[in-house]
Amino acid sequence: QVQLVESGGGLVQAGGSLRLSCAASGRTLSSYTMGWFRQAPGKEREFVAAIKWGSPTTHYGDSVKGRFTMSRDNDKNMVYLQMNSLKPEDTAIYYCAVYNQGEYDYWGQGTQVTVSS
């Protein structure tokens, strides 16, 4: 069983930055592709970013390309999401997840990000 705990969310003004963290226990994250997703009220869950296992290769959703950067620290068993130039439309609950056997099957509880205009 793996547990994921996100942190680092909060309230920030438009144009500001936040760094989200995701700590894992019960599984070594270096062996897995990891993802960040977000869900705003009344909207479907949206892919934000992913980082492949064993390499620094990353992929981003179109709405965050050039502003967000995902990284991992295998020694600490953590992944991060650096969010710059935040916009009000980035307001959502952000979740990290583990990609395993063809799907994201483990999810954290989420951390709230609110961007004021």
N, C-alpha and C. Protein backbone atom coordinates (compact mmCIF):
# COMPACT_ATOMS: atom_id res chain seq x y z
N GLN A 1 0.85 -1.19 0.00
CA GLN A 1 0.00 0.00 0.00
C GLN A 1 0.89 1.24 0.00
N VAL A 2 0.54 2.20 -0.82
CA VAL A 2 1.31 3.44 -0.89
C VAL A 2 0.44 4.58 -0.40
N GLN A 3 1.05 5.50 0.29
CA GLN A 3 0.36 6.70 0.74
C GLN A 3 1.07 7.93 0.18
N LEU A 4 0.30 8.85 -0.34
CA LEU A 4 0.81 10.09 -0.91
C LEU A 4 0.24 11.26 -0.12
N VAL A 5 1.09 12.20 0.23
CA VAL A 5 0.64 13.37 0.98
C VAL A 5 1.16 14.62 0.28
N GLU A 6 0.21 15.43 -0.21
CA GLU A 6 0.57 16.69 -0.87
C GLU A 6 0.63 17.81 0.16
N SER A 7 1.46 18.79 -0.12
CA SER A 7 1.55 19.97 0.72
C SER A 7 2.03 21.14 -0.12
N GLY A 8 1.95 22.34 0.46
CA GLY A 8 2.47 23.52 -0.22
C GLY A 8 1.42 24.41 -0.86
N GLY A 9 0.17 23.98 -0.81
CA GLY A 9 -0.87 24.83 -1.37
C GLY A 9 -1.12 26.05 -0.51
N GLY A 10 -1.95 26.96 -1.03
CA GLY A 10 -2.26 28.16 -0.28
C GLY A 10 -2.89 29.21 -1.15
N LEU A 11 -2.94 30.41 -0.61
CA LEU A 11 -3.52 31.56 -1.32
C LEU A 11 -2.39 32.44 -1.83
N VAL A 12 -2.45 32.78 -3.11
CA VAL A 12 -1.41 33.60 -3.71
C VAL A 12 -2.05 34.55 -4.71
N GLN A 13 -1.44 35.70 -4.90
CA GLN A 13 -1.95 36.64 -5.89
C GLN A 13 -1.55 36.22 -7.30
N ALA A 14 -2.33 36.65 -8.26
CA ALA A 14 -1.99 36.37 -9.66
C ALA A 14 -0.58 36.87 -9.96
N GLY A 15 0.16 36.05 -10.69
CA GLY A 15 1.55 36.36 -11.00
C GLY A 15 2.54 35.78 -10.02
N GLY A 16 2.03 35.28 -8.90
CA GLY A 16 2.89 34.72 -7.87
C GLY A 16 3.28 33.28 -8.15
N SER A 17 3.97 32.69 -7.17
CA SER A 17 4.47 31.33 -7.31
C SER A 17 4.16 30.51 -6.08
N LEU A 18 4.05 29.21 -6.29
CA LEU A 18 3.93 28.23 -5.21
C LEU A 18 4.70 26.99 -5.62
N ARG A 19 5.16 26.26 -4.62
CA ARG A 19 5.81 24.98 -4.87
C ARG A 19 5.07 23.91 -4.10
N LEU A 20 4.50 22.99 -4.82
CA LEU A 20 3.80 21.87 -4.19
C LEU A 20 4.76 20.70 -4.02
N SER A 21 4.55 19.96 -2.94
CA SER A 21 5.35 18.77 -2.67
C SER A 21 4.43 17.57 -2.50
N CYS A 22 4.94 16.41 -2.85
CA CYS A 22 4.21 15.16 -2.67
C CYS A 22 5.17 14.15 -2.07
N ALA A 23 4.87 13.74 -0.84
CA ALA A 23 5.69 12.77 -0.14
C ALA A 23 5.03 11.39 -0.20
N ALA A 24 5.85 10.38 -0.45
CA ALA A 24 5.31 9.03 -0.57
C ALA A 24 5.87 8.12 0.50
N SER A 25 5.05 7.19 0.93
CA SER A 25 5.50 6.12 1.82
C SER A 25 4.90 4.81 1.33
N GLY A 26 5.61 3.73 1.57
CA GLY A 26 5.11 2.42 1.19
C GLY A 26 5.55 1.97 -0.19
N ARG A 27 6.17 2.86 -0.96
CA ARG A 27 6.63 2.49 -2.29
C ARG A 27 7.74 3.44 -2.69
N THR A 28 8.72 2.90 -3.44
CA THR A 28 9.80 3.74 -3.93
C THR A 28 9.37 4.40 -5.23
N LEU A 29 9.25 5.72 -5.21
CA LEU A 29 8.71 6.44 -6.35
C LEU A 29 9.61 6.41 -7.57
N SER A 30 10.90 6.17 -7.38
CA SER A 30 11.83 6.22 -8.50
C SER A 30 11.49 5.18 -9.56
N SER A 31 10.73 4.16 -9.20
CA SER A 31 10.38 3.12 -10.15
C SER A 31 9.11 3.41 -10.93
N TYR A 32 8.48 4.55 -10.67
CA TYR A 32 7.18 4.83 -11.24
C TYR A 32 7.12 6.20 -11.90
N THR A 33 6.31 6.28 -12.94
CA THR A 33 5.92 7.58 -13.45
C THR A 33 4.95 8.20 -12.46
N MET A 34 5.15 9.48 -12.21
CA MET A 34 4.31 10.21 -11.27
C MET A 34 3.60 11.34 -12.01
N GLY A 35 2.42 11.67 -11.52
CA GLY A 35 1.66 12.73 -12.16
C GLY A 35 1.09 13.71 -11.17
N TRP A 36 0.83 14.92 -11.67
CA TRP A 36 0.06 15.93 -10.93
C TRP A 36 -1.21 16.20 -11.74
N PHE A 37 -2.32 16.29 -11.02
CA PHE A 37 -3.61 16.60 -11.61
C PHE A 37 -4.26 17.70 -10.77
N ARG A 38 -5.28 18.30 -11.32
CA ARG A 38 -6.01 19.30 -10.54
C ARG A 38 -7.50 19.23 -10.89
N GLN A 39 -8.29 19.68 -9.95
CA GLN A 39 -9.73 19.71 -10.16
C GLN A 39 -10.30 20.97 -9.54
N ALA A 40 -10.92 21.78 -10.37
CA ALA A 40 -11.58 22.99 -9.91
C ALA A 40 -13.05 22.70 -9.67
N PRO A 41 -13.72 23.49 -8.84
CA PRO A 41 -15.14 23.25 -8.55
C PRO A 41 -15.97 23.22 -9.83
N GLY A 42 -16.77 22.19 -9.97
CA GLY A 42 -17.66 22.08 -11.11
C GLY A 42 -16.99 21.66 -12.40
N LYS A 43 -15.69 21.32 -12.33
CA LYS A 43 -14.95 20.93 -13.54
C LYS A 43 -14.40 19.53 -13.38
N GLU A 44 -14.07 18.94 -14.53
CA GLU A 44 -13.47 17.61 -14.50
C GLU A 44 -12.00 17.71 -14.09
N ARG A 45 -11.49 16.59 -13.61
CA ARG A 45 -10.08 16.53 -13.25
C ARG A 45 -9.24 16.75 -14.50
N GLU A 46 -8.18 17.51 -14.35
CA GLU A 46 -7.33 17.91 -15.47
C GLU A 46 -5.90 17.46 -15.24
N PHE A 47 -5.29 16.91 -16.28
CA PHE A 47 -3.87 16.56 -16.22
C PHE A 47 -3.03 17.83 -16.18
N VAL A 48 -2.06 17.84 -15.27
CA VAL A 48 -1.17 18.99 -15.15
C VAL A 48 0.24 18.65 -15.64
N ALA A 49 0.82 17.58 -15.08
CA ALA A 49 2.20 17.25 -15.41
C ALA A 49 2.49 15.81 -15.04
N ALA A 50 3.52 15.25 -15.66
CA ALA A 50 3.98 13.91 -15.32
C ALA A 50 5.48 13.84 -15.51
N ILE A 51 6.10 12.97 -14.73
CA ILE A 51 7.54 12.76 -14.85
C ILE A 51 7.79 11.26 -14.91
N LYS A 52 8.57 10.82 -15.90
CA LYS A 52 8.78 9.41 -16.11
C LYS A 52 9.73 8.82 -15.07
N TRP A 53 9.53 7.52 -14.82
CA TRP A 53 10.44 6.83 -13.92
C TRP A 53 11.79 6.73 -14.59
N GLY A 54 12.84 6.79 -13.78
CA GLY A 54 14.18 6.54 -14.27
C GLY A 54 14.77 7.62 -15.15
N SER A 55 14.06 8.72 -15.36
CA SER A 55 14.60 9.80 -16.19
C SER A 55 13.93 11.10 -15.80
N PRO A 56 14.51 12.22 -16.20
CA PRO A 56 13.89 13.50 -15.88
C PRO A 56 12.86 13.94 -16.92
N THR A 57 12.48 13.06 -17.83
CA THR A 57 11.53 13.43 -18.87
C THR A 57 10.20 13.83 -18.27
N THR A 58 9.70 14.99 -18.68
CA THR A 58 8.45 15.50 -18.16
C THR A 58 7.48 15.83 -19.30
N HIS A 59 6.21 15.84 -18.96
CA HIS A 59 5.15 16.21 -19.89
C HIS A 59 4.20 17.15 -19.14
N TYR A 60 3.63 18.11 -19.87
CA TYR A 60 2.77 19.10 -19.24
C TYR A 60 1.48 19.28 -20.02
N GLY A 61 0.44 19.63 -19.28
CA GLY A 61 -0.79 20.02 -19.94
C GLY A 61 -0.61 21.36 -20.64
N ASP A 62 -1.36 21.60 -21.69
CA ASP A 62 -1.19 22.81 -22.48
C ASP A 62 -1.40 24.07 -21.66
N SER A 63 -2.28 24.01 -20.68
CA SER A 63 -2.61 25.21 -19.92
C SER A 63 -1.50 25.63 -18.96
N VAL A 64 -0.53 24.76 -18.70
CA VAL A 64 0.51 25.09 -17.74
C VAL A 64 1.91 25.09 -18.35
N LYS A 65 2.03 24.72 -19.61
CA LYS A 65 3.35 24.68 -20.25
C LYS A 65 4.03 26.03 -20.18
N GLY A 66 5.32 25.98 -19.81
CA GLY A 66 6.09 27.22 -19.72
C GLY A 66 5.96 27.92 -18.39
N ARG A 67 5.02 27.49 -17.55
CA ARG A 67 4.83 28.13 -16.24
C ARG A 67 5.09 27.17 -15.09
N PHE A 68 4.79 25.90 -15.28
CA PHE A 68 4.94 24.90 -14.23
C PHE A 68 6.11 23.98 -14.56
N THR A 69 6.78 23.51 -13.50
CA THR A 69 7.88 22.57 -13.67
C THR A 69 7.75 21.46 -12.64
N MET A 70 7.74 20.23 -13.13
CA MET A 70 7.68 19.08 -12.23
C MET A 70 9.07 18.48 -12.09
N SER A 71 9.38 18.06 -10.86
CA SER A 71 10.68 17.44 -10.61
C SER A 71 10.51 16.35 -9.56
N ARG A 72 11.57 15.56 -9.38
CA ARG A 72 11.52 14.52 -8.37
C ARG A 72 12.84 14.44 -7.64
N ASP A 73 12.78 13.99 -6.40
CA ASP A 73 13.98 13.72 -5.60
C ASP A 73 13.85 12.28 -5.14
N ASN A 74 14.53 11.40 -5.83
CA ASN A 74 14.40 9.98 -5.52
C ASN A 74 14.95 9.63 -4.14
N ASP A 75 15.97 10.36 -3.71
CA ASP A 75 16.54 10.08 -2.39
C ASP A 75 15.52 10.36 -1.28
N LYS A 76 14.69 11.39 -1.50
CA LYS A 76 13.70 11.76 -0.50
C LYS A 76 12.34 11.14 -0.78
N ASN A 77 12.23 10.42 -1.90
CA ASN A 77 10.96 9.80 -2.28
C ASN A 77 9.86 10.85 -2.41
N MET A 78 10.18 11.93 -3.12
CA MET A 78 9.24 13.03 -3.25
C MET A 78 9.21 13.54 -4.69
N VAL A 79 8.08 14.12 -5.05
CA VAL A 79 7.97 14.86 -6.30
C VAL A 79 7.47 16.26 -5.98
N TYR A 80 7.76 17.18 -6.90
CA TYR A 80 7.43 18.58 -6.68
C TYR A 80 6.75 19.16 -7.92
N LEU A 81 6.04 20.26 -7.69
CA LEU A 81 5.48 21.01 -8.79
C LEU A 81 5.72 22.49 -8.50
N GLN A 82 6.66 23.08 -9.24
CA GLN A 82 6.92 24.50 -9.12
C GLN A 82 5.96 25.23 -10.05
N MET A 83 5.19 26.12 -9.49
CA MET A 83 4.17 26.84 -10.26
C MET A 83 4.50 28.32 -10.25
N ASN A 84 4.77 28.86 -11.41
CA ASN A 84 5.09 30.28 -11.56
C ASN A 84 4.04 30.98 -12.41
N SER A 85 4.03 32.29 -12.34
CA SER A 85 3.08 33.10 -13.13
C SER A 85 1.66 32.58 -12.97
N LEU A 86 1.28 32.36 -11.74
CA LEU A 86 -0.04 31.77 -11.48
C LEU A 86 -1.16 32.70 -11.91
N LYS A 87 -2.23 32.07 -12.37
CA LYS A 87 -3.41 32.79 -12.85
C LYS A 87 -4.63 32.36 -12.02
N PRO A 88 -5.64 33.19 -11.96
CA PRO A 88 -6.86 32.78 -11.23
C PRO A 88 -7.43 31.46 -11.71
N GLU A 89 -7.28 31.15 -12.98
CA GLU A 89 -7.81 29.89 -13.51
C GLU A 89 -6.99 28.68 -13.08
N ASP A 90 -5.88 28.90 -12.40
CA ASP A 90 -5.12 27.78 -11.82
C ASP A 90 -5.70 27.35 -10.47
N THR A 91 -6.67 28.07 -9.97
CA THR A 91 -7.29 27.72 -8.70
C THR A 91 -7.95 26.36 -8.79
N ALA A 92 -7.56 25.47 -7.88
CA ALA A 92 -8.06 24.09 -7.90
C ALA A 92 -7.46 23.33 -6.71
N ILE A 93 -7.94 22.13 -6.53
CA ILE A 93 -7.27 21.19 -5.63
C ILE A 93 -6.29 20.40 -6.49
N TYR A 94 -5.05 20.32 -6.04
CA TYR A 94 -3.99 19.65 -6.79
C TYR A 94 -3.68 18.31 -6.11
N TYR A 95 -3.59 17.28 -6.95
CA TYR A 95 -3.35 15.92 -6.48
C TYR A 95 -2.11 15.34 -7.15
N CYS A 96 -1.34 14.57 -6.40
CA CYS A 96 -0.30 13.77 -7.04
C CYS A 96 -0.77 12.32 -7.09
N ALA A 97 -0.21 11.58 -8.04
CA ALA A 97 -0.67 10.21 -8.25
C ALA A 97 0.47 9.36 -8.81
N VAL A 98 0.38 8.06 -8.57
CA VAL A 98 1.35 7.08 -9.05
C VAL A 98 0.76 6.35 -10.25
N TYR A 99 1.54 6.28 -11.34
CA TYR A 99 1.11 5.55 -12.54
C TYR A 99 1.60 4.12 -12.43
N ASN A 100 0.66 3.19 -12.42
CA ASN A 100 1.00 1.79 -12.19
C ASN A 100 0.13 0.89 -13.04
N GLN A 101 0.73 0.07 -13.86
CA GLN A 101 0.02 -0.92 -14.67
C GLN A 101 -1.08 -0.29 -15.50
N GLY A 102 -0.72 0.78 -16.18
CA GLY A 102 -1.62 1.38 -17.16
C GLY A 102 -2.59 2.42 -16.64
N GLU A 103 -2.50 2.76 -15.37
CA GLU A 103 -3.40 3.78 -14.85
C GLU A 103 -2.78 4.43 -13.62
N TYR A 104 -3.33 5.61 -13.30
CA TYR A 104 -2.93 6.26 -12.05
C TYR A 104 -3.80 5.62 -10.96
N ASP A 105 -3.17 4.82 -10.11
CA ASP A 105 -3.97 4.02 -9.19
C ASP A 105 -3.83 4.41 -7.73
N TYR A 106 -2.91 5.28 -7.40
CA TYR A 106 -2.80 5.77 -6.03
C TYR A 106 -2.80 7.30 -6.07
N TRP A 107 -3.61 7.88 -5.19
CA TRP A 107 -3.80 9.33 -5.18
C TRP A 107 -3.64 9.86 -3.76
N GLY A 108 -3.13 11.09 -3.68
CA GLY A 108 -3.10 11.76 -2.41
C GLY A 108 -4.44 12.42 -2.12
N GLN A 109 -4.50 13.11 -0.99
CA GLN A 109 -5.75 13.74 -0.56
C GLN A 109 -5.93 15.12 -1.19
N GLY A 110 -4.87 15.64 -1.77
CA GLY A 110 -4.97 16.93 -2.45
C GLY A 110 -4.57 18.10 -1.58
N THR A 111 -4.16 19.18 -2.24
CA THR A 111 -3.84 20.43 -1.56
C THR A 111 -4.47 21.58 -2.35
N GLN A 112 -5.10 22.49 -1.63
CA GLN A 112 -5.84 23.58 -2.28
C GLN A 112 -4.90 24.70 -2.70
N VAL A 113 -5.05 25.12 -3.93
CA VAL A 113 -4.35 26.29 -4.46
C VAL A 113 -5.41 27.31 -4.88
N THR A 114 -5.28 28.50 -4.34
CA THR A 114 -6.21 29.57 -4.68
C THR A 114 -5.42 30.78 -5.16
N VAL A 115 -5.74 31.24 -6.36
CA VAL A 115 -5.04 32.38 -6.95
C VAL A 115 -6.03 33.53 -7.06
N SER A 116 -5.73 34.62 -6.39
CA SER A 116 -6.62 35.78 -6.41
C SER A 116 -6.20 36.75 -7.52
N SER A 117 -7.19 37.43 -8.06
CA SER A 117 -6.91 38.36 -9.17
C SER A 117 -6.60 39.76 -8.65
